[in-house]
Amino acid sequence: MAEKEEEIVNGIDIDLTTRADFDSDEEYYFGEFLKELIDYGVILWANKNLLPIQLSSPIKHKFTRVLATKEKEEEQHIHREHVYTPDFNIEFNPKYKDVFYSLFGDGRKFKGQNIPFLTNRHDAPAATIELKGSFIKQDEQRAMSLNLKWVFDKWQLNVQLVKVPNIFKDTFTPQAYMDDMVYKRDNGPRGIKAGDSKLNYKPKTIDEYVEELDAMVVKVAQSKPEEDPQSELL
């Protein structure tokens, strides 16, 4: 049991997760999204992150308590430490650089919808993800924004906000989400039959999406200038 607990201190490998490991439906469906990407080799690894990032240390007030026969140095807590825990970590397949992910700080504009992910640093094919639903309350948005800025300011780590189902519309829709997003019973007045999809967009499968990515990989490779063989002799 102790070995199992030690294995999940930093996170749970996404391939080992079940629905009970997630805090929301959005997190669960994003986990299924990542599993399909691993199966197709677009990403190499991912986990449900459990490791908190410290943003500030506790603030303590030291004082001297005067007792009957002596003085005693004590301290009281004014503010507890502040920590933030991202939701997911992802390691990308370098093959899909500039197609599925961009390097943070590489000097080029992040295209967002066309290239959905941005790495957490400039020198590694990995991303750290904050996962939300499509609607975020104003106070939650404010707190999240402060945390993400604070993480970058203190640790120079870019945490990317990803929304579900928005990411599915921009890329592909995992099978688990398509299976669940159906009507359970007929609704004659609305012309709905049990099994009809609730999705308000045409979903793309992982097969279709990876086929597009692979075509883009070829296109990107062809667009890069060939190296001059003479340059190696210089």
Protein backbone atom coordinates (compact mmCIF):
# COMPACT_ATOMS: atom_id res chain seq x y z
CA MET A 1 0.00 0.00 0.00
CA ALA A 2 2.84 2.37 0.87
CA GLU A 3 4.46 1.74 -2.54
CA LYS A 4 1.19 2.55 -4.30
CA GLU A 5 0.82 5.78 -2.33
CA GLU A 6 4.40 6.75 -3.20
CA GLU A 7 3.74 6.16 -6.92
CA ILE A 8 0.85 8.64 -7.00
CA VAL A 9 2.42 11.42 -4.92
CA ASN A 10 3.15 13.50 -8.04
CA GLY A 11 0.26 12.29 -10.17
CA ILE A 12 -1.53 9.34 -11.73
CA ASP A 13 -0.50 8.13 -15.18
CA ILE A 14 -3.42 8.90 -17.44
CA ASP A 15 -3.60 5.30 -18.71
CA LEU A 16 -4.25 4.16 -15.12
CA THR A 17 -7.03 6.62 -14.34
CA THR A 18 -10.70 5.83 -13.85
CA ARG A 19 -13.61 8.23 -13.65
CA ALA A 20 -13.30 8.31 -9.86
CA ASP A 21 -9.83 9.90 -10.14
CA PHE A 22 -11.21 13.14 -11.56
CA ASP A 23 -12.87 16.08 -9.85
CA SER A 24 -15.28 16.86 -12.70
CA ASP A 25 -16.79 15.46 -15.88
CA GLU A 26 -14.66 17.91 -17.88
CA GLU A 27 -11.46 16.49 -16.35
CA TYR A 28 -12.61 12.92 -17.03
CA TYR A 29 -13.36 13.60 -20.70
CA PHE A 30 -10.05 15.42 -21.15
CA GLY A 31 -8.34 12.38 -19.64
CA GLU A 32 -10.05 10.22 -22.28
CA PHE A 33 -8.89 12.71 -24.92
CA LEU A 34 -5.29 12.27 -23.72
CA LYS A 35 -5.59 8.47 -23.71
CA GLU A 36 -6.57 8.47 -27.38
CA LEU A 37 -3.66 10.79 -28.22
CA ILE A 38 -1.26 8.41 -26.47
CA ASP A 39 -2.70 5.44 -28.37
CA TYR A 40 -1.98 7.24 -31.65
CA GLY A 41 1.49 8.47 -30.63
CA VAL A 42 0.69 12.18 -30.76
CA ILE A 43 1.68 12.52 -27.12
CA LEU A 44 4.09 10.22 -25.32
CA TRP A 45 2.83 10.50 -21.75
CA ALA A 46 0.38 12.39 -19.56
CA ASN A 47 -0.79 12.36 -15.98
CA LYS A 48 -3.47 13.70 -13.68
CA ASN A 49 -1.31 16.05 -11.67
CA LEU A 50 -1.37 15.88 -7.86
CA LEU A 51 1.78 17.87 -7.13
CA PRO A 52 1.07 21.37 -5.74
CA ILE A 53 3.26 24.35 -6.67
CA GLN A 54 4.19 26.62 -3.79
CA LEU A 55 3.57 30.26 -4.57
CA SER A 56 4.21 31.81 -1.17
CA SER A 57 5.59 30.68 2.17
CA PRO A 58 3.59 31.00 5.41
CA ILE A 59 3.73 34.44 7.00
CA LYS A 60 4.46 34.31 10.71
CA HIS A 61 4.64 36.94 13.45
CA LYS A 62 7.27 36.38 16.11
CA PHE A 63 6.75 37.74 19.59
CA THR A 64 7.97 37.34 23.15
CA ARG A 65 5.60 35.97 25.75
CA VAL A 66 6.44 37.14 29.28
CA LEU A 67 5.85 34.42 31.84
CA ALA A 68 6.13 34.55 35.62
CA THR A 69 9.74 33.35 35.72
CA LYS A 70 10.97 33.68 32.14
CA GLU A 71 10.39 35.00 28.67
CA LYS A 72 9.46 32.65 25.84
CA GLU A 73 9.90 33.28 22.10
CA GLU A 74 6.80 32.27 20.17
CA GLU A 75 5.25 32.84 16.76
CA GLN A 76 1.77 33.03 15.38
CA HIS A 77 0.59 32.33 11.85
CA ILE A 78 -0.72 35.40 10.03
CA HIS A 79 -1.20 33.76 6.61
CA ARG A 80 -0.88 30.16 5.52
CA GLU A 81 1.30 29.22 2.56
CA HIS A 82 -0.34 29.60 -0.83
CA VAL A 83 -0.17 26.67 -3.24
CA TYR A 84 -1.67 25.97 -6.65
CA THR A 85 -2.15 22.54 -8.23
CA PRO A 86 -2.44 22.31 -12.04
CA ASP A 87 -4.68 19.59 -13.45
CA PHE A 88 -2.58 17.76 -16.06
CA ASN A 89 0.96 17.32 -17.37
CA ILE A 90 1.62 16.30 -20.98
CA GLU A 91 4.72 15.20 -22.87
CA PHE A 92 4.43 15.66 -26.64
CA ASN A 93 5.87 13.60 -29.46
CA PRO A 94 8.48 15.96 -31.03
CA LYS A 95 7.25 14.80 -34.45
CA TYR A 96 4.21 17.05 -33.98
CA LYS A 97 6.05 20.24 -33.08
CA ASP A 98 4.58 23.25 -34.93
CA VAL A 99 1.55 21.13 -35.79
CA PHE A 100 0.00 20.01 -32.50
CA TYR A 101 2.08 22.11 -30.12
CA SER A 102 4.26 25.22 -30.18
CA LEU A 103 7.30 25.97 -28.05
CA PHE A 104 6.73 28.75 -25.54
CA GLY A 105 8.92 31.77 -26.33
CA ASP A 106 10.07 30.55 -29.75
CA GLY A 107 9.57 34.00 -31.25
CA ARG A 108 6.49 33.13 -33.29
CA LYS A 109 2.85 33.99 -32.66
CA PHE A 110 0.90 31.26 -30.88
CA LYS A 111 -1.89 30.30 -33.27
CA GLY A 112 -4.17 28.74 -30.68
CA GLN A 113 -6.98 27.17 -32.67
CA ASN A 114 -4.69 25.83 -35.42
CA ILE A 115 -1.97 24.58 -33.04
CA PRO A 116 -3.85 23.84 -29.81
CA PHE A 117 -1.08 23.49 -27.24
CA LEU A 118 1.75 25.66 -25.95
CA THR A 119 4.64 24.20 -23.94
CA ASN A 120 5.34 25.17 -20.35
CA ARG A 121 8.93 26.22 -21.15
CA HIS A 122 10.92 27.10 -24.26
CA ASP A 123 13.25 24.09 -24.13
CA ALA A 124 11.06 21.00 -23.65
CA PRO A 125 8.10 19.37 -25.47
CA ALA A 126 5.84 19.36 -22.39
CA ALA A 127 2.76 21.26 -21.23
CA THR A 128 1.12 21.97 -17.89
CA ILE A 129 -2.66 22.30 -18.07
CA GLU A 130 -5.36 24.08 -16.10
CA LEU A 131 -8.63 22.45 -17.19
CA LYS A 132 -11.99 24.26 -17.07
CA GLY A 133 -15.46 23.97 -18.51
CA SER A 134 -16.61 26.37 -21.21
CA PHE A 135 -18.12 28.75 -18.63
CA ILE A 136 -16.00 30.16 -15.80
CA LYS A 137 -17.51 32.31 -13.04
CA GLN A 138 -15.98 35.77 -12.72
CA ASP A 139 -14.49 35.23 -9.24
CA GLU A 140 -13.09 31.84 -10.29
CA GLN A 141 -11.64 33.41 -13.43
CA ARG A 142 -9.95 36.13 -11.37
CA ALA A 143 -8.40 33.67 -8.88
CA MET A 144 -7.23 31.35 -11.66
CA SER A 145 -5.67 34.18 -13.64
CA LEU A 146 -3.73 35.37 -10.59
CA ASN A 147 -2.46 31.86 -9.88
CA LEU A 148 -1.26 31.31 -13.45
CA LYS A 149 0.54 34.67 -13.50
CA TRP A 150 2.04 33.95 -10.09
CA VAL A 151 3.33 30.53 -11.21
CA PHE A 152 5.07 32.08 -14.18
CA ASP A 153 6.50 34.98 -12.20
CA LYS A 154 7.91 32.70 -9.48
CA TRP A 155 8.86 29.57 -11.44
CA GLN A 156 8.91 30.69 -15.11
CA LEU A 157 6.43 27.92 -15.86
CA ASN A 158 3.68 28.56 -18.39
CA VAL A 159 0.39 26.92 -17.40
CA GLN A 160 -2.06 26.73 -20.29
CA LEU A 161 -5.79 27.13 -19.78
CA VAL A 162 -7.76 24.52 -21.74
CA LYS A 163 -11.57 24.42 -21.86
CA VAL A 164 -13.85 21.43 -22.46
CA PRO A 165 -15.62 20.97 -24.83
CA ASN A 166 -13.92 23.82 -26.73
CA ILE A 167 -10.72 21.80 -27.24
CA PHE A 168 -12.79 18.96 -28.73
CA LYS A 169 -14.34 21.30 -31.28
CA ASP A 170 -10.90 22.58 -32.29
CA THR A 171 -9.27 19.14 -32.57
CA PHE A 172 -11.22 15.88 -32.19
CA THR A 173 -13.87 14.50 -29.86
CA PRO A 174 -12.99 11.47 -27.71
CA GLN A 175 -15.26 8.47 -28.09
CA ALA A 176 -16.26 8.52 -24.40
CA TYR A 177 -17.65 12.05 -24.79
CA MET A 178 -19.57 11.16 -27.96
CA ASP A 179 -21.00 8.06 -26.26
CA ASP A 180 -22.22 10.04 -23.25
CA MET A 181 -23.54 13.09 -25.09
CA VAL A 182 -26.69 11.41 -26.40
CA TYR A 183 -30.35 11.65 -25.45
CA LYS A 184 -31.55 8.79 -23.26
CA ARG A 185 -35.21 8.87 -24.31
CA ASP A 186 -37.49 10.01 -27.14
CA ASN A 187 -38.92 13.52 -27.17
CA GLY A 188 -41.60 13.62 -29.85
CA PRO A 189 -42.44 17.35 -29.74
CA ARG A 190 -38.76 18.20 -30.27
CA GLY A 191 -38.23 15.48 -32.85
CA ILE A 192 -35.61 13.80 -30.70
CA LYS A 193 -35.05 10.04 -30.55
CA ALA A 194 -33.14 8.09 -27.92
CA GLY A 195 -29.53 7.83 -29.05
CA ASP A 196 -29.51 11.14 -30.98
CA SER A 197 -26.42 13.25 -30.32
CA LYS A 198 -26.60 16.32 -28.08
CA LEU A 199 -23.52 17.84 -29.71
CA ASN A 200 -24.09 21.15 -31.51
CA TYR A 201 -21.12 20.60 -33.80
CA LYS A 202 -19.93 17.88 -36.17
CA PRO A 203 -17.41 15.83 -34.17
CA LYS A 204 -14.14 14.69 -35.66
CA THR A 205 -12.68 11.31 -34.61
CA ILE A 206 -9.09 10.71 -33.54
CA ASP A 207 -8.49 8.82 -36.81
CA GLU A 208 -9.57 11.80 -38.87
CA TYR A 209 -7.62 14.25 -36.75
CA VAL A 210 -4.34 12.32 -36.78
CA GLU A 211 -4.62 11.90 -40.54
CA GLU A 212 -4.82 15.71 -40.78
CA LEU A 213 -1.89 16.14 -38.38
CA ASP A 214 0.31 13.74 -40.34
CA ALA A 215 -0.48 15.61 -43.56
CA MET A 216 0.48 18.86 -41.83
CA VAL A 217 3.74 17.32 -40.58
CA VAL A 218 4.68 16.57 -44.19
CA LYS A 219 3.67 20.06 -45.31
CA VAL A 220 5.72 21.74 -42.55
CA ALA A 221 8.76 19.60 -43.40
CA GLN A 222 8.48 20.51 -47.08
CA SER A 223 8.20 24.22 -46.29
CA LYS A 224 11.48 24.30 -44.36
CA PRO A 225 14.53 25.30 -46.43
CA GLU A 226 17.00 22.51 -47.11
CA GLU A 227 20.35 22.80 -45.42
CA ASP A 228 23.27 23.61 -47.66
CA PRO A 229 25.57 20.53 -47.59
CA GLN A 230 28.54 22.90 -47.94
CA SER A 231 27.60 24.49 -44.58
CA GLU A 232 28.81 21.38 -42.78
CA LEU A 233 32.28 21.92 -44.24
CA LEU A 234 32.55 25.48 -43.02
